Structures are given as C-alpha cells and as structure tokens.
Amino acid sequence: MKTIAIIGVPQDYGAGRRGVDMGPSALRVANLNAALAGLGYTVEDHGNVFVDQPESIPESEASARHLPQIAQNCLRLAKMVEKAAAAGRFPLVLGGDHSIAAGTVAGITKHYKKQNLGLVWVDAHGDFNTPASSPSGNVHGMPLSSIVGQGPRELTHLRGRSPMVAAKNVALVGIRDVDRHEADNIRAAGIHAYTMREIDERGMRAVMQDAIRVASDGTAGMHLSLDMDALDPVEAPGVGTPVRGGLNYREAHLAMELLHDAGKLVSMEVVEVNPVLDIANKTAALAVELILSAMGKRIL
C-alpha cells in the first residue's frame, strides 16, 4: 500500500465567505488520518502550508481579490506536493478554498516533468473565470482556467509549466451553476464538461467512464479535485456556495469508487469544507468517507 502525505491549506482568500480556512482542521477532526490508516495506508501528516491571516494583508484588485497572496500560498503548496511525490508519497491536499488547486496541480505536474497528466474536476461550478470575466473577483472561481493556461499569469506559471494540464485531458463533472462568459470560455477551451443534466440522463457510471477515459488518454495518471459543493446541499451543507440539485450520496461515492478502480490516481484534493456553515461537521465527515472510497474502501 502507498504512503499518503496529507497537506493542509487553511486559506479562504479566494472565497467570498469566511470560514473555509478551517476546512483542514475539520477533516482531521473527522478522523481522516486514522481512517486512512485503517485501510492499510501509512499516513504522514505534513501539517499545513503557512498562510497569512486575511486581516493582515492589504486589499487588492477587485477583479482578482488577494491574487498575490493566493499565488504565494499556491507556490508554497506546489513545492510541498512536488517534494512529497518525489519521495514516493501520494499527495492528499485539504483545503481551503478551490484556488489552492492551482498549487496542487503545479506541484504534481512539475514532479512528472514532461509526462502529461489528466484532471477530473468534480464541482458545482466551472471555476473557469478570469479576472476579465469574473463577476465577483473571487479567485476560487479561476483555478481551472489557470491550470489550462488561461487564467492570471500569477497562477498559470507557478512552476514554469503552462498549461499544466491540456484542456483535452480535463473532465469537469457535476456542474450546474456557470456564469455566461465562463460557459463560453469552457466551450472554447475544449474542456470535456458533464453537467448534472447529463448525469441525470446517462447515469453517474457512464459519465465517470467518459471522464476517466478523457483524463487517462495519453497521460501518466490523473489528479482528482473534489469540491464538496458538487454534492447537493442536503448532503453537504457546510460549503460557501451551495447549489441545489447536486450529486446525491451514492452518486458521489460511485464516482470515487470508479476513480479508484481505474488505478490511475496520482494525487487528490478536497476543498471548500466550511465548518462555520456546517451542521455537526457533517460535510467534513462525508468528505472523509469520499476520500476513503477514492482510496479503495469497498462495501464488501
């Protein structure tokens, strides 16, 4: 069994609501480390990336709020992920808001050097805005565009490789709340997007088979980025941007189980757990369950 390196990123600069910086603690409180050890993994908790308190940093451009600080944190994260992967560990990153994904992917793609990686992005939102298109200026709406080389340069070139992942190898699963210009950007980039309507019509198994094929086509492996707002708020109330009509409990678990069965996951992150908005840590506990399914836990 692999050794898993847990890395927390207590950052909420990229979000529009406070509290998601406590996500890494909530996941650890929900018994993540012991649960992974119970599956037979060796678990190394590498602690948290250093993040300045938001109250201590100056305001920045309204089109990309706190972008310099987010880029700095993502660079710190990228170096930790790269180091963990180089030591043969499986990087498991705990957010924090979704802008941290630019750092995770920068680190894992830097480790794989000239080999291509795929990306499965499970989310209610497209996360494909840019400073020019974003209606809010919240950078957690920009990481996917940055990963494929179309976001702010501070994020697109974190470790020198841009794009970090080719758009043709990105599967965006579960979206149901996308800005108009963002939708245009997603289509123009050639991202493979699977909306909730498609999941309703075809079923999660068929959609995930397609997503895995997209992320595996000519790649050395795939990174999983799981935003907990992909799930319906009934299942995961503790998120900053809940959207009705999301994945149900079994759909989410099936997605994780199929990703594990594909045998190509090289890294993973879970983001947007906000304990301030949660009910008795329900969302963090579910996130731990989903991590376990992605890491191979079976019913029998």
Protein backbone atom coordinates (compact mmCIF):
# COMPACT_ATOMS: atom_id res chain seq x y z
CA MET A 1 0.00 0.00 0.00
CA LYS A 2 1.13 3.54 -0.69
CA THR A 3 2.13 6.14 1.84
CA ILE A 4 -0.24 9.11 1.84
CA ALA A 5 1.13 12.60 2.53
CA ILE A 6 -1.56 14.88 3.95
CA ILE A 7 -1.05 18.60 3.35
CA GLY A 8 -3.46 21.22 4.67
CA VAL A 9 -4.00 24.67 3.18
CA PRO A 10 -6.01 26.84 5.62
CA GLN A 11 -6.79 29.56 3.08
CA ASP A 12 -10.04 31.40 2.44
CA TYR A 13 -8.68 34.39 0.46
CA GLY A 14 -10.17 33.07 -2.75
CA ALA A 15 -13.72 32.66 -1.45
CA GLY A 16 -16.50 35.17 -0.94
CA ARG A 17 -17.34 33.91 2.56
CA ARG A 18 -15.06 33.35 5.53
CA GLY A 19 -14.53 30.05 7.35
CA VAL A 20 -13.23 27.64 4.74
CA ASP A 21 -9.72 28.16 6.16
CA MET A 22 -10.86 25.80 8.94
CA GLY A 23 -11.54 23.01 6.45
CA PRO A 24 -8.26 21.12 7.00
CA SER A 25 -8.88 21.02 10.75
CA ALA A 26 -12.46 19.85 10.25
CA LEU A 27 -11.29 16.97 8.05
CA ARG A 28 -8.67 15.93 10.58
CA VAL A 29 -11.22 16.15 13.41
CA ALA A 30 -13.44 13.86 11.33
CA ASN A 31 -10.82 11.14 11.84
CA LEU A 32 -9.25 11.26 8.36
CA ASN A 33 -5.78 10.11 9.35
CA ALA A 34 -6.92 7.12 11.41
CA ALA A 35 -9.49 6.13 8.80
CA LEU A 36 -6.82 6.02 6.07
CA ALA A 37 -4.55 4.02 8.35
CA GLY A 38 -7.44 1.63 8.84
CA LEU A 39 -7.38 0.93 5.10
CA GLY A 40 -3.77 -0.16 5.44
CA TYR A 41 -2.04 3.03 4.30
CA THR A 42 0.93 4.59 6.01
CA VAL A 43 -0.14 8.17 6.74
CA GLU A 44 2.25 11.09 7.05
CA ASP A 45 0.64 14.36 8.07
CA HIS A 46 2.88 17.13 6.76
CA GLY A 47 0.91 19.83 8.55
CA ASN A 48 -0.33 22.99 6.90
CA VAL A 49 1.06 25.38 4.33
CA PHE A 50 1.80 28.69 6.04
CA VAL A 51 -0.97 31.19 5.24
CA ASP A 52 -1.10 34.79 6.46
CA GLN A 53 -4.22 35.88 8.29
CA PRO A 54 -6.53 37.75 5.87
CA GLU A 55 -6.83 40.66 8.31
CA SER A 56 -3.09 41.30 8.00
CA ILE A 57 -2.95 41.61 4.21
CA PRO A 58 -3.88 44.65 2.10
CA GLU A 59 -6.86 44.81 -0.22
CA SER A 60 -6.05 44.06 -3.84
CA GLU A 61 -7.62 44.49 -7.25
CA ALA A 62 -11.36 43.90 -7.31
CA SER A 63 -11.03 41.77 -10.47
CA ALA A 64 -8.87 39.17 -8.67
CA ARG A 65 -9.04 39.68 -4.92
CA HIS A 66 -5.88 38.76 -2.97
CA LEU A 67 -4.27 37.25 -6.08
CA PRO A 68 -0.63 37.93 -4.97
CA GLN A 69 -1.17 36.20 -1.62
CA ILE A 70 -3.03 33.30 -3.22
CA ALA A 71 -0.22 32.82 -5.74
CA GLN A 72 2.34 32.85 -2.94
CA ASN A 73 0.42 30.22 -0.98
CA CYS A 74 -0.05 28.10 -4.11
CA LEU A 75 3.69 28.23 -4.76
CA ARG A 76 4.38 27.04 -1.21
CA LEU A 77 1.87 24.25 -1.71
CA ALA A 78 3.30 23.28 -5.10
CA LYS A 79 6.75 22.80 -3.58
CA MET A 80 5.34 20.61 -0.78
CA VAL A 81 3.35 18.49 -3.24
CA GLU A 82 6.33 18.08 -5.54
CA LYS A 83 8.55 17.05 -2.63
CA ALA A 84 6.01 14.52 -1.37
CA ALA A 85 5.56 12.99 -4.83
CA ALA A 86 9.34 12.81 -5.31
CA ALA A 87 9.54 10.79 -2.08
CA GLY A 88 7.03 8.30 -3.47
CA ARG A 89 4.09 9.62 -1.44
CA PHE A 90 0.52 10.10 -2.64
CA PRO A 91 -0.26 13.80 -2.04
CA LEU A 92 -3.66 14.37 -0.42
CA VAL A 93 -4.35 18.10 -0.09
CA LEU A 94 -7.02 19.51 2.24
CA GLY A 95 -8.49 22.93 1.52
CA GLY A 96 -9.21 25.71 1.93
CA ASP A 97 -10.91 27.34 -0.99
CA HIS A 98 -10.60 25.93 -4.51
CA SER A 99 -7.98 28.41 -5.68
CA ILE A 100 -5.40 26.16 -3.98
CA ALA A 101 -5.86 23.62 -6.78
CA ALA A 102 -3.53 25.66 -8.97
CA GLY A 103 -0.77 24.94 -6.44
CA THR A 104 -1.56 21.24 -6.10
CA VAL A 105 -1.58 20.68 -9.85
CA ALA A 106 1.52 22.81 -10.37
CA GLY A 107 3.37 20.61 -7.89
CA ILE A 108 2.27 17.24 -9.22
CA THR A 109 2.83 18.18 -12.88
CA LYS A 110 6.27 19.53 -12.01
CA HIS A 111 7.11 16.14 -10.49
CA TYR A 112 6.03 14.35 -13.66
CA LYS A 113 8.13 16.75 -15.75
CA LYS A 114 7.46 16.13 -19.46
CA GLN A 115 4.79 13.47 -18.90
CA ASN A 116 1.21 14.58 -19.32
CA LEU A 117 -1.36 14.26 -16.57
CA GLY A 118 -5.15 14.24 -16.68
CA LEU A 119 -7.57 16.02 -14.39
CA VAL A 120 -11.01 15.06 -13.07
CA TRP A 121 -12.64 18.16 -11.56
CA VAL A 122 -15.84 17.42 -9.59
CA ASP A 123 -17.66 20.67 -8.85
CA ALA A 124 -20.96 22.54 -9.00
CA HIS A 125 -19.16 25.41 -10.73
CA GLY A 126 -16.95 25.77 -13.78
CA ASP A 127 -14.08 27.57 -11.99
CA PHE A 128 -13.10 28.82 -15.44
CA ASN A 129 -13.35 32.56 -14.96
CA THR A 130 -10.51 35.01 -15.48
CA PRO A 131 -10.04 38.44 -13.90
CA ALA A 132 -11.66 39.90 -17.04
CA SER A 133 -14.76 37.68 -16.90
CA SER A 134 -15.34 37.14 -13.18
CA PRO A 135 -18.43 38.93 -11.82
CA SER A 136 -17.13 38.64 -8.23
CA GLY A 137 -13.33 38.78 -8.45
CA ASN A 138 -13.14 35.71 -6.21
CA VAL A 139 -10.11 33.68 -7.28
CA HIS A 140 -11.66 30.36 -6.25
CA GLY A 141 -13.61 30.77 -9.49
CA MET A 142 -10.40 30.85 -11.57
CA PRO A 143 -8.19 27.82 -10.79
CA LEU A 144 -9.27 25.54 -13.63
CA SER A 145 -8.72 28.23 -16.25
CA SER A 146 -5.29 28.81 -14.70
CA ILE A 147 -4.39 25.13 -14.85
CA VAL A 148 -5.07 25.02 -18.61
CA GLY A 149 -3.12 28.24 -19.15
CA GLN A 150 -5.92 30.81 -19.48
CA GLY A 151 -6.10 32.38 -16.02
CA PRO A 152 -4.00 35.10 -14.38
CA ARG A 153 -0.29 34.68 -15.07
CA GLU A 154 0.48 34.63 -11.34
CA LEU A 155 -1.24 31.23 -11.26
CA THR A 156 -0.71 29.88 -14.79
CA HIS A 157 3.09 29.94 -14.44
CA LEU A 158 3.53 28.89 -10.80
CA ARG A 159 6.22 26.30 -11.58
CA GLY A 160 7.05 27.30 -15.14
CA ARG A 161 4.84 24.82 -16.99
CA SER A 162 1.81 26.27 -18.74
CA PRO A 163 -0.60 24.77 -19.43
CA MET A 164 -0.16 22.40 -16.51
CA VAL A 165 -2.79 20.06 -17.98
CA ALA A 166 -4.04 20.02 -21.57
CA ALA A 167 -7.69 21.02 -21.86
CA LYS A 168 -8.42 17.85 -23.83
CA ASN A 169 -7.46 15.82 -20.72
CA VAL A 170 -9.77 17.71 -18.33
CA ALA A 171 -13.14 16.26 -17.29
CA LEU A 172 -15.41 18.69 -15.43
CA VAL A 173 -18.14 16.72 -13.65
CA GLY A 174 -21.32 17.83 -11.89
CA ILE A 175 -21.58 21.47 -12.97
CA ARG A 176 -24.89 23.27 -12.63
CA ASP A 177 -24.03 26.92 -11.87
CA VAL A 178 -21.88 28.53 -14.57
CA ASP A 179 -21.50 32.22 -15.48
CA ARG A 180 -22.36 33.15 -19.07
CA HIS A 181 -18.85 34.23 -20.13
CA GLU A 182 -17.39 31.31 -18.19
CA ALA A 183 -19.53 28.88 -20.20
CA ASP A 184 -18.21 30.42 -23.41
CA ASN A 185 -14.65 30.01 -22.13
CA ILE A 186 -15.20 26.35 -21.21
CA ARG A 187 -16.60 25.52 -24.65
CA ALA A 188 -13.89 27.44 -26.47
CA ALA A 189 -11.11 25.75 -24.49
CA GLY A 190 -12.33 22.25 -25.37
CA ILE A 191 -12.90 21.14 -21.78
CA HIS A 192 -14.99 17.96 -21.52
CA ALA A 193 -17.86 19.13 -19.30
CA TYR A 194 -20.54 16.85 -17.85
CA THR A 195 -23.46 18.78 -16.41
CA MET A 196 -25.95 17.50 -13.86
CA ARG A 197 -28.44 17.08 -16.69
CA GLU A 198 -26.07 14.65 -18.37
CA ILE A 199 -25.66 12.75 -15.09
CA ASP A 200 -29.46 12.65 -14.75
CA GLU A 201 -29.90 11.34 -18.29
CA ARG A 202 -26.98 8.94 -18.62
CA GLY A 203 -26.21 7.99 -15.03
CA MET A 204 -23.07 8.50 -12.98
CA ARG A 205 -21.39 5.30 -14.14
CA ALA A 206 -21.48 6.26 -17.82
CA VAL A 207 -20.37 9.83 -17.13
CA MET A 208 -17.46 8.74 -14.95
CA GLN A 209 -16.35 6.17 -17.52
CA ASP A 210 -16.14 9.00 -20.04
CA ALA A 211 -14.38 11.30 -17.56
CA ILE A 212 -11.78 8.65 -16.74
CA ARG A 213 -11.19 7.97 -20.43
CA VAL A 214 -10.65 11.70 -21.06
CA ALA A 215 -8.24 12.09 -18.14
CA SER A 216 -6.37 8.87 -18.99
CA ASP A 217 -5.92 9.44 -22.73
CA GLY A 218 -2.16 9.61 -23.27
CA THR A 219 -1.43 10.57 -19.66
CA ALA A 220 0.75 9.12 -16.92
CA GLY A 221 -2.06 9.41 -14.40
CA MET A 222 -4.75 11.75 -13.18
CA HIS A 223 -5.35 14.24 -10.40
CA LEU A 224 -8.73 14.40 -8.65
CA SER A 225 -10.02 17.76 -7.46
CA LEU A 226 -13.17 17.34 -5.38
CA ASP A 227 -15.14 20.43 -4.39
CA MET A 228 -17.68 19.47 -1.76
CA ASP A 229 -20.25 21.83 -3.28
CA ALA A 230 -20.54 19.27 -6.10
CA LEU A 231 -22.84 17.42 -3.73
CA ASP A 232 -26.37 18.53 -3.07
CA PRO A 233 -26.59 20.85 -0.03
CA VAL A 234 -28.81 18.28 1.69
CA GLU A 235 -25.75 16.02 1.81
CA ALA A 236 -23.09 18.70 2.23
CA PRO A 237 -24.48 21.85 3.88
CA GLY A 238 -21.09 23.16 5.01
CA VAL A 239 -19.95 24.88 1.82
CA GLY A 240 -19.74 28.54 0.92
CA THR A 241 -21.51 28.39 -2.45
CA PRO A 242 -24.22 25.71 -2.22
CA VAL A 243 -26.29 24.94 -5.32
CA ARG A 244 -29.41 22.79 -5.26
CA GLY A 245 -29.65 19.73 -7.49
CA GLY A 246 -26.20 18.27 -6.91
CA LEU A 247 -24.79 14.78 -6.56
CA ASN A 248 -26.50 12.55 -4.06
CA TYR A 249 -24.71 10.37 -1.53
CA ARG A 250 -24.39 7.24 -3.66
CA GLU A 251 -23.58 9.10 -6.88
CA ALA A 252 -20.64 10.77 -5.15
CA HIS A 253 -19.39 7.51 -3.68
CA LEU A 254 -19.73 5.71 -7.02
CA ALA A 255 -17.67 8.42 -8.70
CA MET A 256 -14.91 7.97 -6.15
CA GLU A 257 -15.07 4.17 -6.36
CA LEU A 258 -14.78 4.22 -10.14
CA LEU A 259 -11.81 6.58 -9.99
CA HIS A 260 -10.04 4.22 -7.61
CA ASP A 261 -10.85 1.20 -9.77
CA ALA A 262 -9.25 2.92 -12.79
CA GLY A 263 -5.91 2.67 -10.97
CA LYS A 264 -4.51 5.95 -12.29
CA LEU A 265 -4.95 8.45 -9.44
CA VAL A 266 -1.64 10.12 -8.59
CA SER A 267 -2.92 12.87 -6.27
CA MET A 268 -6.12 14.27 -4.81
CA GLU A 269 -7.51 17.30 -3.07
CA VAL A 270 -10.74 18.06 -1.24
CA VAL A 271 -11.78 21.69 -0.94
CA GLU A 272 -14.46 24.13 0.20
CA VAL A 273 -15.41 22.47 3.51
CA ASN A 274 -16.63 25.36 5.67
CA PRO A 275 -17.25 24.34 9.30
CA VAL A 276 -18.81 27.72 10.10
CA LEU A 277 -21.70 26.86 7.79
CA ASP A 278 -21.85 23.15 8.60
CA ILE A 279 -24.09 21.06 10.85
CA ALA A 280 -22.14 18.99 13.41
CA ASN A 281 -19.20 18.60 10.98
CA LYS A 282 -21.46 16.64 8.61
CA THR A 283 -19.74 17.88 5.44
CA ALA A 284 -16.24 17.09 6.69
CA ALA A 285 -17.35 13.61 7.78
CA LEU A 286 -18.80 12.98 4.32
CA ALA A 287 -15.61 14.29 2.71
CA VAL A 288 -13.62 11.74 4.71
CA GLU A 289 -15.95 8.99 3.52
CA LEU A 290 -15.45 10.06 -0.10
CA ILE A 291 -11.67 10.17 0.32
CA LEU A 292 -11.80 6.62 1.65
CA SER A 293 -13.81 5.48 -1.39
CA ALA A 294 -11.27 7.13 -3.71
CA MET A 295 -8.52 5.35 -1.79
CA GLY A 296 -10.12 1.93 -2.20
CA LYS A 297 -12.63 1.32 0.58
CA ARG A 298 -15.24 -1.19 -0.52
CA ILE A 299 -18.63 -2.23 0.81
CA LEU A 300 -17.52 -5.87 0.76
